[in-house]
C-alpha atoms as a PDB file:
ATOM      1  CA  MET A   1      25.657  -8.514  42.115  1.00  0.00           C
ATOM      2  CA  PRO A   2      23.205  -5.773  41.030  1.00  0.00           C
ATOM      3  CA  VAL A   3      22.038  -3.308  43.661  1.00  0.00           C
ATOM      4  CA  THR A   4      18.318  -3.570  44.354  1.00  0.00           C
ATOM      5  CA  LYS A   5      16.623  -0.218  44.056  1.00  0.00           C
ATOM      6  CA  LYS A   6      14.106   1.004  46.626  1.00  0.00           C
ATOM      7  CA  SER A   7      10.664   2.324  45.853  1.00  0.00           C
ATOM      8  CA  PRO A   8       9.501   5.689  47.215  1.00  0.00           C
ATOM      9  CA  ALA A   9       7.826   3.817  50.083  1.00  0.00           C
ATOM     10  CA  GLY A  10      11.172   2.310  51.014  1.00  0.00           C
ATOM     11  CA  LYS A  11      10.354  -1.190  49.758  1.00  0.00           C
ATOM     12  CA  THR A  12      12.852  -3.119  47.734  1.00  0.00           C
ATOM     13  CA  GLY A  13      12.086  -4.625  44.339  1.00  0.00           C
ATOM     14  CA  ARG A  14      12.552  -4.120  40.629  1.00  0.00           C
ATOM     15  CA  PRO A  15      12.761  -0.531  39.361  1.00  0.00           C
ATOM     16  CA  PRO A  16       9.362   0.774  38.252  1.00  0.00           C
ATOM     17  CA  LYS A  17       8.727   0.748  34.512  1.00  0.00           C
ATOM     18  CA  VAL A  18       8.955   4.036  32.713  1.00  0.00           C
ATOM     19  CA  PRO A  19       5.709   4.855  30.858  1.00  0.00           C
ATOM     20  CA  GLY A  20       6.104   3.924  27.194  1.00  0.00           C
ATOM     21  CA  GLU A  21       9.258   1.923  27.846  1.00  0.00           C
ATOM     22  CA  LYS A  22       9.715  -1.165  25.675  1.00  0.00           C
ATOM     23  CA  PRO A  23       9.078  -4.454  27.502  1.00  0.00           C
ATOM     24  CA  THR A  24      12.220  -6.324  28.579  1.00  0.00           C
ATOM     25  CA  ARG A  25      11.412  -9.297  26.333  1.00  0.00           C
ATOM     26  CA  ASP A  26      11.277  -6.966  23.318  1.00  0.00           C
ATOM     27  CA  LYS A  27      14.564  -5.325  24.330  1.00  0.00           C
ATOM     28  CA  ILE A  28      16.217  -8.745  24.433  1.00  0.00           C
ATOM     29  CA  PHE A  29      14.731  -9.685  21.061  1.00  0.00           C
ATOM     30  CA  ASP A  30      15.929  -6.448  19.415  1.00  0.00           C
ATOM     31  CA  ALA A  31      19.406  -6.709  20.933  1.00  0.00           C
ATOM     32  CA  ALA A  32      19.745 -10.319  19.780  1.00  0.00           C
ATOM     33  CA  VAL A  33      18.635  -9.483  16.223  1.00  0.00           C
ATOM     34  CA  ASP A  34      21.177  -6.640  16.070  1.00  0.00           C
ATOM     35  CA  LEU A  35      23.999  -8.859  17.310  1.00  0.00           C
ATOM     36  CA  PHE A  36      23.090 -11.937  15.260  1.00  0.00           C
ATOM     37  CA  SER A  37      22.971  -9.824  12.079  1.00  0.00           C
ATOM     38  CA  GLU A  38      26.346  -8.168  12.727  1.00  0.00           C
ATOM     39  CA  LYS A  39      28.431 -10.720  14.656  1.00  0.00           C
ATOM     40  CA  GLY A  40      26.671 -13.925  13.683  1.00  0.00           C
ATOM     41  CA  TYR A  41      24.634 -16.318  15.769  1.00  0.00           C
ATOM     42  CA  ASP A  42      27.513 -18.532  16.928  1.00  0.00           C
ATOM     43  CA  ARG A  43      29.747 -15.610  17.902  1.00  0.00           C
ATOM     44  CA  THR A  44      27.049 -13.941  20.011  1.00  0.00           C
ATOM     45  CA  THR A  45      26.707 -14.948  23.660  1.00  0.00           C
ATOM     46  CA  VAL A  46      23.837 -14.447  26.095  1.00  0.00           C
ATOM     47  CA  ARG A  47      26.184 -12.104  27.980  1.00  0.00           C
ATOM     48  CA  ASP A  48      26.565 -10.018  24.807  1.00  0.00           C
ATOM     49  CA  ILE A  49      22.786  -9.841  24.429  1.00  0.00           C
ATOM     50  CA  ALA A  50      22.284  -8.862  28.065  1.00  0.00           C
ATOM     51  CA  ARG A  51      24.912  -6.130  27.822  1.00  0.00           C
ATOM     52  CA  ALA A  52      23.379  -4.739  24.618  1.00  0.00           C
ATOM     53  CA  ALA A  53      19.903  -4.756  26.185  1.00  0.00           C
ATOM     54  CA  GLY A  54      21.189  -3.070  29.351  1.00  0.00           C
ATOM     55  CA  ILE A  55      20.112  -5.906  31.648  1.00  0.00           C
ATOM     56  CA  THR A  56      21.643  -8.836  33.531  1.00  0.00           C
ATOM     57  CA  GLU A  57      22.103 -12.325  32.102  1.00  0.00           C
ATOM     58  CA  SER A  58      19.631 -13.673  34.649  1.00  0.00           C
ATOM     59  CA  ALA A  59      17.044 -11.222  33.283  1.00  0.00           C
ATOM     60  CA  VAL A  60      17.558 -12.693  29.807  1.00  0.00           C
ATOM     61  CA  TYR A  61      16.924 -16.196  31.164  1.00  0.00           C
ATOM     62  CA  ARG A  62      13.706 -15.050  32.823  1.00  0.00           C
ATOM     63  CA  HIS A  63      12.298 -14.385  29.340  1.00  0.00           C
ATOM     64  CA  TYR A  64      14.141 -16.904  27.137  1.00  0.00           C
ATOM     65  CA  THR A  65      15.748 -20.230  27.950  1.00  0.00           C
ATOM     66  CA  GLY A  66      18.731 -19.323  25.792  1.00  0.00           C
ATOM     67  CA  LYS A  67      19.810 -18.335  22.289  1.00  0.00           C
ATOM     68  CA  GLU A  68      17.804 -21.150  20.695  1.00  0.00           C
ATOM     69  CA  SER A  69      14.537 -19.837  22.134  1.00  0.00           C
ATOM     70  CA  ILE A  70      15.382 -16.334  20.890  1.00  0.00           C
ATOM     71  CA  LEU A  71      15.974 -17.864  17.462  1.00  0.00           C
ATOM     72  CA  ASP A  72      12.583 -19.583  17.705  1.00  0.00           C
ATOM     73  CA  ALA A  73      11.030 -16.175  18.487  1.00  0.00           C
ATOM     74  CA  ILE A  74      12.717 -14.776  15.365  1.00  0.00           C
ATOM     75  CA  PHE A  75      11.214 -17.622  13.308  1.00  0.00           C
ATOM     76  CA  GLU A  76       7.752 -16.859  14.725  1.00  0.00           C
ATOM     77  CA  TYR A  77       8.174 -13.143  14.014  1.00  0.00           C
ATOM     78  CA  MET A  78       9.021 -13.825  10.373  1.00  0.00           C
ATOM     79  CA  GLU A  79       6.277 -16.398   9.884  1.00  0.00           C
ATOM     80  CA  ALA A  80       3.639 -13.928  11.049  1.00  0.00           C
ATOM     81  CA  ARG A  81       4.788 -11.453   8.403  1.00  0.00           C
ATOM     82  CA  VAL A  82       5.681 -13.627   5.435  1.00  0.00           C
ATOM     83  CA  TYR A  83       2.318 -15.385   5.223  1.00  0.00           C
ATOM     84  CA  SER A  84       0.134 -12.307   5.514  1.00  0.00           C
ATOM     85  CA  PRO A  85      -1.078 -10.118   2.622  1.00  0.00           C
ATOM     86  CA  LEU A  86       1.075  -7.131   1.731  1.00  0.00           C
ATOM     87  CA  PRO A  87      -0.589  -3.792   2.498  1.00  0.00           C
ATOM     88  CA  PRO A  88      -1.736  -1.968  -0.664  1.00  0.00           C
ATOM     89  CA  LEU A  89       0.365   0.931  -1.861  1.00  0.00           C
ATOM     90  CA  PRO A  90      -1.213   4.377  -1.298  1.00  0.00           C
ATOM     91  CA  ASP A  91      -1.456   5.108  -5.022  1.00  0.00           C
ATOM     92  CA  SER A  92      -2.385   1.618  -6.242  1.00  0.00           C
ATOM     93  CA  GLY A  93      -6.173   1.923  -5.992  1.00  0.00           C
ATOM     94  CA  ASN A  94      -6.705   2.929  -9.620  1.00  0.00           C
ATOM     95  CA  ALA A  95      -4.319   0.425 -11.171  1.00  0.00           C
ATOM     96  CA  GLU A  96      -5.528  -2.834 -12.661  1.00  0.00           C
ATOM     97  CA  SER A  97      -4.333  -5.462 -10.271  1.00  0.00           C
ATOM     98  CA  SER A  98      -2.910  -8.909 -10.876  1.00  0.00           C
ATOM     99  CA  ILE A  99      -1.671 -11.628  -8.547  1.00  0.00           C
ATOM    100  CA  PHE A 100       1.885 -10.751  -9.594  1.00  0.00           C
ATOM    101  CA  ARG A 101       1.466  -7.089  -8.641  1.00  0.00           C
ATOM    102  CA  ASP A 102      -0.197  -8.077  -5.385  1.00  0.00           C
ATOM    103  CA  LEU A 103       2.757 -10.291  -4.457  1.00  0.00           C
ATOM    104  CA  LEU A 104       5.584  -7.994  -5.607  1.00  0.00           C
ATOM    105  CA  GLU A 105       4.587  -4.345  -5.864  1.00  0.00           C
ATOM    106  CA  GLY A 106       4.503  -3.500  -2.160  1.00  0.00           C
ATOM    107  CA  LEU A 107       7.419  -5.730  -1.166  1.00  0.00           C
ATOM    108  CA  PRO A 108      10.194  -3.088  -0.947  1.00  0.00           C
ATOM    109  CA  ARG A 109       8.132  -0.608   1.053  1.00  0.00           C
ATOM    110  CA  TYR A 110       6.875  -3.347   3.393  1.00  0.00           C
ATOM    111  CA  ILE A 111      10.353  -4.656   4.207  1.00  0.00           C
ATOM    112  CA  ILE A 112      11.955  -1.239   4.598  1.00  0.00           C
ATOM    113  CA  SER A 113       9.134  -0.094   6.889  1.00  0.00           C
ATOM    114  CA  GLU A 114      10.340  -2.659   9.444  1.00  0.00           C
ATOM    115  CA  PRO A 115      14.139  -2.394   9.756  1.00  0.00           C
ATOM    116  CA  VAL A 116      14.205  -5.526  11.912  1.00  0.00           C
ATOM    117  CA  LEU A 117      13.046  -7.512   8.842  1.00  0.00           C
ATOM    118  CA  VAL A 118      16.175  -6.491   6.940  1.00  0.00           C
ATOM    119  CA  LYS A 119      18.363  -7.680   9.817  1.00  0.00           C
ATOM    120  CA  ILE A 120      16.516 -10.978  10.124  1.00  0.00           C
ATOM    121  CA  ILE A 121      16.787 -11.607   6.374  1.00  0.00           C
ATOM    122  CA  ARG A 122      20.542 -11.163   6.752  1.00  0.00           C
ATOM    123  CA  ILE A 123      20.636 -13.571   9.707  1.00  0.00           C
ATOM    124  CA  LEU A 124      18.746 -16.264   7.809  1.00  0.00           C
ATOM    125  CA  PHE A 125      20.815 -16.025   4.626  1.00  0.00           C
ATOM    126  CA  MET A 126      24.205 -15.689   6.335  1.00  0.00           C
ATOM    127  CA  GLU A 127      23.700 -18.356   9.003  1.00  0.00           C
ATOM    128  CA  MET A 128      21.927 -20.922   6.828  1.00  0.00           C
ATOM    129  CA  PRO A 129      25.085 -22.651   5.439  1.00  0.00           C
ATOM    130  CA  HIS A 130      26.456 -23.645   8.862  1.00  0.00           C
ATOM    131  CA  ASN A 131      23.395 -23.658  11.139  1.00  0.00           C
ATOM    132  CA  GLY A 132      21.239 -26.733  10.616  1.00  0.00           C
ATOM    133  CA  ASN A 133      18.314 -25.308  12.569  1.00  0.00           C
ATOM    134  CA  ILE A 134      18.156 -22.218  10.362  1.00  0.00           C
ATOM    135  CA  ARG A 135      18.742 -24.273   7.216  1.00  0.00           C
ATOM    136  CA  ASP A 136      15.863 -26.632   8.094  1.00  0.00           C
ATOM    137  CA  TYR A 137      13.637 -23.644   8.857  1.00  0.00           C
ATOM    138  CA  MET A 138      14.478 -21.970   5.543  1.00  0.00           C
ATOM    139  CA  LYS A 139      13.805 -25.164   3.591  1.00  0.00           C
ATOM    140  CA  ARG A 140      10.540 -25.805   5.408  1.00  0.00           C
ATOM    141  CA  GLU A 141       9.119 -22.276   5.412  1.00  0.00           C
ATOM    142  CA  TYR A 142      10.665 -20.521   2.391  1.00  0.00           C
ATOM    143  CA  VAL A 143      11.006 -23.396  -0.053  1.00  0.00           C
ATOM    144  CA  GLU A 144       8.456 -26.124   0.642  1.00  0.00           C
ATOM    145  CA  ARG A 145       5.714 -24.133   2.389  1.00  0.00           C
ATOM    146  CA  ALA A 146       6.248 -21.082   0.169  1.00  0.00           C
ATOM    147  CA  ASP A 147       5.860 -23.183  -2.965  1.00  0.00           C
ATOM    148  CA  ASP A 148       2.753 -24.896  -1.568  1.00  0.00           C
ATOM    149  CA  TYR A 149       1.246 -21.548  -0.569  1.00  0.00           C
ATOM    150  CA  THR A 150       1.994 -19.841  -3.890  1.00  0.00           C
ATOM    151  CA  GLU A 151       0.898 -22.860  -5.924  1.00  0.00           C
ATOM    152  CA  ALA A 152      -2.499 -22.691  -4.209  1.00  0.00           C
ATOM    153  CA  LEU A 153      -2.780 -18.973  -5.013  1.00  0.00           C
ATOM    154  CA  PHE A 154      -1.944 -19.579  -8.669  1.00  0.00           C
ATOM    155  CA  GLN A 155      -4.312 -22.559  -8.931  1.00  0.00           C
ATOM    156  CA  LYS A 156      -7.151 -20.355  -7.645  1.00  0.00           C
ATOM    157  CA  GLN A 157      -6.212 -17.716 -10.229  1.00  0.00           C
ATOM    158  CA  ILE A 158      -6.304 -20.356 -12.986  1.00  0.00           C
ATOM    159  CA  ASP A 159      -9.699 -21.613 -11.782  1.00  0.00           C
ATOM    160  CA  ASP A 160     -11.018 -18.029 -11.843  1.00  0.00           C
ATOM    161  CA  ASN A 161      -9.575 -17.439 -15.351  1.00  0.00           C
ATOM    162  CA  LYS A 162      -7.357 -14.630 -14.047  1.00  0.00           C
ATOM    163  CA  ILE A 163      -4.155 -16.236 -15.284  1.00  0.00           C
ATOM    164  CA  ARG A 164      -3.635 -18.633 -18.195  1.00  0.00           C
ATOM    165  CA  SER A 165      -3.741 -22.362 -17.703  1.00  0.00           C
ATOM    166  CA  CYS A 166      -0.312 -23.703 -16.745  1.00  0.00           C
ATOM    167  CA  ASP A 167       1.381 -25.943 -14.199  1.00  0.00           C
ATOM    168  CA  PRO A 168       0.849 -23.895 -11.016  1.00  0.00           C
ATOM    169  CA  ARG A 169       3.646 -25.726  -9.186  1.00  0.00           C
ATOM    170  CA  VAL A 170       6.236 -24.860 -11.796  1.00  0.00           C
ATOM    171  CA  LEU A 171       5.035 -21.258 -11.899  1.00  0.00           C
ATOM    172  CA  ALA A 172       5.228 -21.078  -8.089  1.00  0.00           C
ATOM    173  CA  GLU A 173       8.795 -22.400  -8.088  1.00  0.00           C
ATOM    174  CA  VAL A 174       9.919 -19.956 -10.789  1.00  0.00           C
ATOM    175  CA  PHE A 175       8.165 -17.014  -9.131  1.00  0.00           C
ATOM    176  CA  ASN A 176       9.518 -17.787  -5.664  1.00  0.00           C
ATOM    177  CA  SER A 177      13.016 -18.301  -7.045  1.00  0.00           C
ATOM    178  CA  PHE A 178      12.848 -14.781  -8.422  1.00  0.00           C
ATOM    179  CA  ARG A 179      11.662 -13.367  -5.082  1.00  0.00           C
ATOM    180  CA  PHE A 180      14.436 -15.234  -3.258  1.00  0.00           C
ATOM    181  CA  THR A 181      17.052 -13.856  -5.645  1.00  0.00           C
ATOM    182  CA  TRP A 182      15.634 -10.329  -5.314  1.00  0.00           C
ATOM    183  CA  LEU A 183      15.863 -10.502  -1.513  1.00  0.00           C
ATOM    184  CA  PHE A 184      19.430 -11.817  -1.653  1.00  0.00           C
ATOM    185  CA  ARG A 185      20.589  -9.136  -4.074  1.00  0.00           C
ATOM    186  CA  ASN A 186      18.980  -6.225  -2.242  1.00  0.00           C
ATOM    187  CA  PHE A 187      19.446  -7.210   1.393  1.00  0.00           C
ATOM    188  CA  ILE A 188      22.598  -9.353   1.407  1.00  0.00           C
ATOM    189  CA  ILE A 189      24.776  -8.209  -1.494  1.00  0.00           C
ATOM    190  CA  ASP A 190      23.753  -4.571  -0.937  1.00  0.00           C
ATOM    191  CA  TYR A 191      23.560  -4.862   2.868  1.00  0.00           C
ATOM    192  CA  GLY A 192      24.704  -1.664   4.576  1.00  0.00           C
ATOM    193  CA  LYS A 193      23.694   0.621   1.732  1.00  0.00           C
ATOM    194  CA  THR A 194      20.934   3.124   2.376  1.00  0.00           C
ATOM    195  CA  PRO A 195      17.850   1.431   0.883  1.00  0.00           C
ATOM    196  CA  ASP A 196      16.167   3.302  -1.951  1.00  0.00           C
ATOM    197  CA  VAL A 197      12.543   2.166  -1.916  1.00  0.00           C
ATOM    198  CA  ARG A 198      11.644   4.020  -5.112  1.00  0.00           C
ATOM    199  CA  ALA A 199      14.549   2.436  -7.004  1.00  0.00           C
ATOM    200  CA  MET A 200      13.570  -1.014  -5.730  1.00  0.00           C
ATOM    201  CA  GLU A 201       9.966  -0.490  -6.831  1.00  0.00           C
ATOM    202  CA  GLU A 202      11.066   0.656 -10.279  1.00  0.00           C
ATOM    203  CA  GLU A 203      13.387  -2.342 -10.538  1.00  0.00           C
ATOM    204  CA  LEU A 204      10.490  -4.705  -9.861  1.00  0.00           C
ATOM    205  CA  TRP A 205       8.147  -3.298 -12.503  1.00  0.00           C
ATOM    206  CA  PRO A 206       9.720  -4.976 -15.567  1.00  0.00           C
ATOM    207  CA  HIS A 207       9.496  -8.301 -13.742  1.00  0.00           C
ATOM    208  CA  ILE A 208       5.862  -7.729 -12.821  1.00  0.00           C
ATOM    209  CA  GLU A 209       5.111  -6.869 -16.455  1.00  0.00           C
ATOM    210  CA  PHE A 210       7.052  -9.933 -17.606  1.00  0.00           C
ATOM    211  CA  PHE A 211       4.854 -12.264 -15.551  1.00  0.00           C
ATOM    212  CA  GLU A 212       1.704 -10.403 -16.558  1.00  0.00           C
ATOM    213  CA  LYS A 213       2.465 -10.571 -20.297  1.00  0.00           C
ATOM    214  CA  LEU A 214       3.107 -14.304 -20.051  1.00  0.00           C
ATOM    215  CA  PHE A 215       0.289 -15.343 -17.778  1.00  0.00           C
ATOM    216  CA  VAL A 216      -2.490 -12.710 -17.574  1.00  0.00           C
ATOM    217  CA  PRO A 217      -5.075 -13.176 -20.382  1.00  0.00           C
END
C-alpha cells in the first residue's frame, strides 16, 4: 500500500503538484499510447500503464474506467486533429493554392510535429485486423466519414469552378485511398526510421501535381 506523504503543515494527503508538471490524466494517456503502439492493445494491462506512468493502478481508475475508455480518448484525440484544417507551411504564401495542395502539402510536417500522432497511427493500423472496436472506428471515421467530408469539399470546388466537373464521390475515394496508402507506407512500413520531413514533402509533390493536372482548370 502506498505511503501517504505529509504536507509541510503535517497534514496527510496527495503530494503537491510540481509547477508545470503534466496532469495525471495526460500521463496515463501518453503511457498507454506508448505501450499500445509497442506491445499492442491486448498485451498491455492497466498495471503496465500505471507502472509506465509512475502511478498506482487505482490512480488510473480515478481518471479512466479501463483500457476501453483510454482507447475512446485516443479516438477523440485523433478526431479533433483529422477533421481540422492543416496549418499552412511557412513558405507557402506565394504559391498558387489548390484543394489538393491544401490537403496534402502540410501533411508530413503536421504529423511529425506531434509524435503521439505517429504512435496512434501505428495503433490503429496494427490493431484493426483483430480489434472490432478499432476496426469499426476506422471504417466509420476514416472510410465513410472521410469520403463524405472530402466529397463535400470537392463538390464545393466544382461549384466554384476551381476543379473540373467530375463525380466528387469517386474523386474523394481515389484521393483518400492515396492518403491512406501514404500513411501506411510512411508510418507502418517505415515505422522506427527517423522521419525525414523534407523527403516526405518532396515525395508528395508529384502526386499533388498529378491531381492538379487532371482536375484543376
